[in-house]
Amino acid sequence: MKTFGENLRELREAKGLLLREVGDTLKMDTALVSKFERDERKPTKDQVLAFAKFYNTSAENLLVAWLSEKIAYELVDEKVALKAVQLAEQKIRGYKHKH
């Protein structure tokens, strides 16, 4: 299973772009883009959406990959993580029905 950063790197390499070119176009520091690709930093939601638009890829797929990684990273050391995620799923479904 690829990390979010690996996905970003693959998208960039598939377009034959340099980190500098991506950074310049998205108005991000090249070092920051590199850190995202190496999973040393996590982008914001707005940055994820900017990458999706720039790479002309599904914003939903990129957001799902980003959000799932955020959740997994936060819960990785919790013994009851999977139970908590299952309960969270039920709560999300319940909240959606209320709105």
Protein backbone atom coordinates (compact mmCIF):
# COMPACT_ATOMS: atom_id res chain seq x y z
CA MET A 1 0.00 0.00 0.00
CA LYS A 2 1.51 3.30 -1.10
CA THR A 3 1.82 6.27 1.20
CA PHE A 4 0.29 9.60 0.33
CA GLY A 5 3.74 10.98 -0.43
CA GLU A 6 4.52 8.09 -2.77
CA ASN A 7 1.28 8.83 -4.61
CA LEU A 8 2.30 12.47 -5.01
CA ARG A 9 5.74 11.52 -6.30
CA GLU A 10 4.21 9.09 -8.82
CA LEU A 11 1.84 11.77 -10.08
CA ARG A 12 4.72 14.21 -10.53
CA GLU A 13 7.00 11.69 -12.21
CA ALA A 14 4.22 10.55 -14.54
CA LYS A 15 4.06 14.13 -15.84
CA GLY A 16 7.85 14.32 -16.11
CA LEU A 17 8.04 17.30 -13.78
CA LEU A 18 10.75 18.45 -11.41
CA LEU A 19 9.99 19.33 -7.80
CA ARG A 20 10.89 22.92 -8.62
CA GLU A 21 8.29 23.07 -11.39
CA VAL A 22 5.56 21.78 -9.10
CA GLY A 23 6.55 24.17 -6.32
CA ASP A 24 6.68 27.17 -8.65
CA THR A 25 3.28 26.44 -10.17
CA LEU A 26 1.59 25.77 -6.83
CA LYS A 27 3.44 28.60 -5.09
CA MET A 28 4.96 26.18 -2.57
CA ASP A 29 8.54 25.95 -1.50
CA THR A 30 10.35 23.15 -3.38
CA ALA A 31 11.64 21.74 -0.08
CA LEU A 32 8.07 21.56 1.23
CA VAL A 33 6.86 19.64 -1.83
CA SER A 34 9.82 17.29 -1.36
CA LYS A 35 8.91 16.75 2.30
CA PHE A 36 5.34 15.91 1.29
CA GLU A 37 6.64 13.33 -1.18
CA ARG A 38 8.97 11.80 1.44
CA ASP A 39 6.15 11.74 4.02
CA GLU A 40 8.12 14.03 6.32
CA ARG A 41 5.30 16.58 6.37
CA LYS A 42 1.59 16.31 5.76
CA PRO A 43 -0.16 18.81 3.49
CA THR A 44 -3.30 20.68 4.44
CA LYS A 45 -6.61 19.86 2.82
CA ASP A 46 -6.29 22.94 0.60
CA GLN A 47 -2.84 21.80 -0.51
CA VAL A 48 -4.19 18.33 -1.32
CA LEU A 49 -6.91 19.92 -3.45
CA ALA A 50 -4.30 22.07 -5.20
CA PHE A 51 -2.25 18.95 -6.02
CA ALA A 52 -5.35 17.20 -7.37
CA LYS A 53 -6.19 20.12 -9.63
CA PHE A 54 -2.58 20.56 -10.76
CA TYR A 55 -2.13 16.87 -11.59
CA ASN A 56 -5.64 16.66 -13.08
CA THR A 57 -6.49 13.70 -10.88
CA SER A 58 -9.49 12.83 -8.76
CA ALA A 59 -9.74 15.17 -5.78
CA GLU A 60 -11.88 12.58 -4.00
CA ASN A 61 -9.29 9.82 -4.38
CA LEU A 62 -6.46 12.07 -3.23
CA LEU A 63 -8.49 13.33 -0.26
CA VAL A 64 -9.40 9.78 0.75
CA ALA A 65 -5.74 8.75 0.63
CA TRP A 66 -4.70 11.83 2.63
CA LEU A 67 -7.44 11.55 5.25
CA SER A 68 -7.04 7.80 5.73
CA GLU A 69 -3.34 8.30 6.34
CA LYS A 70 -4.03 11.06 8.88
CA ILE A 71 -6.41 8.77 10.75
CA ALA A 72 -4.08 5.77 10.62
CA TYR A 73 -1.10 7.83 11.81
CA GLU A 74 -3.08 9.22 14.73
CA LEU A 75 -4.38 5.81 15.84
CA VAL A 76 -1.50 3.46 14.99
CA ASP A 77 -0.42 2.98 18.63
CA GLU A 78 -3.90 2.56 20.07
CA LYS A 79 -4.89 -0.99 20.97
CA VAL A 80 -8.56 -0.27 20.32
CA ALA A 81 -7.98 1.68 17.09
CA LEU A 82 -9.99 -0.61 14.82
CA LYS A 83 -12.96 -0.67 17.19
CA ALA A 84 -12.82 3.12 17.45
CA VAL A 85 -12.75 3.48 13.65
CA GLN A 86 -15.74 1.15 13.32
CA LEU A 87 -17.69 3.17 15.87
CA ALA A 88 -16.65 6.40 14.14
CA GLU A 89 -17.99 5.01 10.86
CA GLN A 90 -21.35 4.36 12.51
CA LYS A 91 -21.38 7.87 13.97
CA ILE A 92 -20.55 9.43 10.62
CA ARG A 93 -23.43 7.57 9.00
CA GLY A 94 -25.73 8.77 11.79
CA TYR A 95 -24.59 12.38 11.48
CA LYS A 96 -25.17 12.32 7.73
CA HIS A 97 -28.77 11.21 8.23
CA LYS A 98 -29.39 14.13 10.60
CA HIS A 99 -28.25 16.72 8.04
